[in-house]
Each structure stands twice: as C-alpha cells, then as structure tokens.
C-alpha cells in the first residue's frame, strides 16, 4: 500500500472518530450523563465509560497515524533492500 493510500485511510479514520467523538459528547456526556444518579447502582460503570471512551478514541487516532508512519518506513526499507541486492 502506498503512503498516499495510507494517509487517505488515516484521514478517513480521523474524520470518522471525530464524528464519533461529537456524537458521544452530544448524546452521552450532554444528554445522558446528567440523568445518572451519583449514588445509584450504575454510577460506577457510567463514570468508567465517561473516562474510557475519550482515551480509546484518542488511542485509535494515534494508532492510525502511527500505522501511516511505520508503513512508510517499512516501504522505504524494502526499496533500499531491493536497490542493494541488484
């Protein structure tokens, strides 16, 4: 896969995760989180979800762009190996 294709894939992932973050913030953080009773049965899982989701989304964005960089480096090393062998 070429570097340009990797950049396109990572850009699509970034935009998709941006939309996911906006939907999460509008629906869960603004709409549902205020309805949760802090002394209720589900208060602990809700707090965990509220803390974990942004970390997971950020991790996926970082992983997509690391994949772009690592793929480009591997591709360049492969090209260099082919040049040395000939």
C-alpha atoms as a PDB file:
ATOM      1  CA  UNK A   1       0.000   0.000   0.000  1.00  0.00           C
ATOM      2  CA  UNK A   2       1.417   3.357  -0.940  1.00  0.00           C
ATOM      3  CA  UNK A   3       1.977   6.172   1.502  1.00  0.00           C
ATOM      4  CA  UNK A   4      -0.734   8.265  -0.136  1.00  0.00           C
ATOM      5  CA  UNK A   5      -3.235   5.444   0.331  1.00  0.00           C
ATOM      6  CA  UNK A   6      -2.215   5.085   3.969  1.00  0.00           C
ATOM      7  CA  UNK A   7      -2.676   8.820   4.515  1.00  0.00           C
ATOM      8  CA  UNK A   8      -6.129   8.652   2.912  1.00  0.00           C
ATOM      9  CA  UNK A   9      -7.145   5.744   5.154  1.00  0.00           C
ATOM     10  CA  UNK A  10      -5.844   7.505   8.275  1.00  0.00           C
ATOM     11  CA  UNK A  11      -7.645  10.702   7.301  1.00  0.00           C
ATOM     12  CA  UNK A  12     -10.931   8.815   6.871  1.00  0.00           C
ATOM     13  CA  UNK A  13     -10.390   7.129  10.269  1.00  0.00           C
ATOM     14  CA  UNK A  14      -9.640  10.505  11.855  1.00  0.00           C
ATOM     15  CA  UNK A  15     -12.794  12.090  10.444  1.00  0.00           C
ATOM     16  CA  UNK A  16     -14.890   9.077  11.474  1.00  0.00           C
ATOM     17  CA  UNK A  17     -13.509   9.167  15.013  1.00  0.00           C
ATOM     18  CA  UNK A  18     -14.072  12.929  15.128  1.00  0.00           C
ATOM     19  CA  UNK A  19     -17.732  12.341  14.289  1.00  0.00           C
ATOM     20  CA  UNK A  20     -17.868   9.568  16.886  1.00  0.00           C
ATOM     21  CA  UNK A  21     -16.471  11.979  19.483  1.00  0.00           C
ATOM     22  CA  UNK A  22     -19.026  14.635  18.596  1.00  0.00           C
ATOM     23  CA  UNK A  23     -21.900  12.150  18.803  1.00  0.00           C
ATOM     24  CA  UNK A  24     -20.552  10.763  22.088  1.00  0.00           C
ATOM     25  CA  UNK A  25     -20.289  14.239  23.556  1.00  0.00           C
ATOM     26  CA  UNK A  26     -23.741  15.340  22.381  1.00  0.00           C
ATOM     27  CA  UNK A  27     -25.621  12.178  23.301  1.00  0.00           C
ATOM     28  CA  UNK A  28     -23.819  10.689  26.287  1.00  0.00           C
ATOM     29  CA  UNK A  29     -21.932  13.486  28.017  1.00  0.00           C
ATOM     30  CA  UNK A  30     -24.514  16.230  27.490  1.00  0.00           C
ATOM     31  CA  UNK A  31     -27.733  14.222  27.417  1.00  0.00           C
ATOM     32  CA  UNK A  32     -27.436  11.033  29.432  1.00  0.00           C
ATOM     33  CA  UNK A  33     -24.678  11.652  31.975  1.00  0.00           C
ATOM     34  CA  UNK A  34     -26.636  14.327  33.904  1.00  0.00           C
ATOM     35  CA  UNK A  35     -29.506  11.849  34.336  1.00  0.00           C
ATOM     36  CA  UNK A  36     -27.382   9.303  36.222  1.00  0.00           C
ATOM     37  CA  UNK A  37     -27.821   9.257  39.982  1.00  0.00           C
ATOM     38  CA  UNK A  38     -24.394   9.512  41.647  1.00  0.00           C
ATOM     39  CA  UNK A  39     -25.482   7.139  44.429  1.00  0.00           C
ATOM     40  CA  UNK A  40     -27.128   4.623  42.098  1.00  0.00           C
ATOM     41  CA  UNK A  41     -26.194   1.107  41.090  1.00  0.00           C
ATOM     42  CA  UNK A  42     -24.856   2.120  37.678  1.00  0.00           C
ATOM     43  CA  UNK A  43     -22.930   5.211  38.723  1.00  0.00           C
ATOM     44  CA  UNK A  44     -19.543   3.461  38.768  1.00  0.00           C
ATOM     45  CA  UNK A  45     -19.842   1.917  35.261  1.00  0.00           C
ATOM     46  CA  UNK A  46     -21.074   5.217  33.872  1.00  0.00           C
ATOM     47  CA  UNK A  47     -18.072   7.057  35.305  1.00  0.00           C
ATOM     48  CA  UNK A  48     -15.762   4.376  33.859  1.00  0.00           C
ATOM     49  CA  UNK A  49     -17.381   4.741  30.437  1.00  0.00           C
ATOM     50  CA  UNK A  50     -17.097   8.505  30.657  1.00  0.00           C
ATOM     51  CA  UNK A  51     -13.357   8.174  31.356  1.00  0.00           C
ATOM     52  CA  UNK A  52     -12.506   5.313  28.976  1.00  0.00           C
ATOM     53  CA  UNK A  53     -14.229   6.357  25.740  1.00  0.00           C
ATOM     54  CA  UNK A  54     -12.136   9.504  25.083  1.00  0.00           C
ATOM     55  CA  UNK A  55      -8.930   7.569  25.779  1.00  0.00           C
ATOM     56  CA  UNK A  56      -9.939   4.800  23.372  1.00  0.00           C
ATOM     57  CA  UNK A  57     -10.873   7.275  20.634  1.00  0.00           C
ATOM     58  CA  UNK A  58      -7.587   9.147  21.037  1.00  0.00           C
ATOM     59  CA  UNK A  59      -5.688   5.856  21.034  1.00  0.00           C
ATOM     60  CA  UNK A  60      -7.337   4.815  17.763  1.00  0.00           C
ATOM     61  CA  UNK A  61      -6.428   8.120  16.112  1.00  0.00           C
ATOM     62  CA  UNK A  62      -2.828   7.813  17.284  1.00  0.00           C
ATOM     63  CA  UNK A  63      -2.690   4.170  16.127  1.00  0.00           C
ATOM     64  CA  UNK A  64      -3.930   5.130  12.651  1.00  0.00           C
ATOM     65  CA  UNK A  65      -1.229   7.755  12.206  1.00  0.00           C
ATOM     66  CA  UNK A  66       1.486   5.519  13.663  1.00  0.00           C
ATOM     67  CA  UNK A  67       0.414   2.925  11.095  1.00  0.00           C
ATOM     68  CA  UNK A  68       0.976   5.520   8.352  1.00  0.00           C
ATOM     69  CA  UNK A  69       4.478   6.347   9.584  1.00  0.00           C
ATOM     70  CA  UNK A  70       5.533   2.736  10.202  1.00  0.00           C
ATOM     71  CA  UNK A  71       4.204   1.654   6.807  1.00  0.00           C
ATOM     72  CA  UNK A  72       6.111   4.403   5.046  1.00  0.00           C
ATOM     73  CA  UNK A  73       9.321   3.488   6.863  1.00  0.00           C
ATOM     74  CA  UNK A  74       8.896  -0.207   6.043  1.00  0.00           C
ATOM     75  CA  UNK A  75       8.225   0.621   2.416  1.00  0.00           C
ATOM     76  CA  UNK A  76      11.375   2.738   2.184  1.00  0.00           C
ATOM     77  CA  UNK A  77      13.456  -0.003   3.792  1.00  0.00           C
ATOM     78  CA  UNK A  78      12.084  -2.508   1.289  1.00  0.00           C
ATOM     79  CA  UNK A  79      13.001  -0.218  -1.600  1.00  0.00           C
ATOM     80  CA  UNK A  80      16.507   0.243  -0.173  1.00  0.00           C
ATOM     81  CA  UNK A  81      16.941  -3.538   0.170  1.00  0.00           C
ATOM     82  CA  UNK A  82      15.921  -4.054  -3.442  1.00  0.00           C
ATOM     83  CA  UNK A  83      18.443  -1.450  -4.604  1.00  0.00           C
ATOM     84  CA  UNK A  84      21.283  -3.039  -2.615  1.00  0.00           C
ATOM     85  CA  UNK A  85      20.616  -6.565  -3.933  1.00  0.00           C
ATOM     86  CA  UNK A  86      20.858  -5.550  -7.592  1.00  0.00           C
END
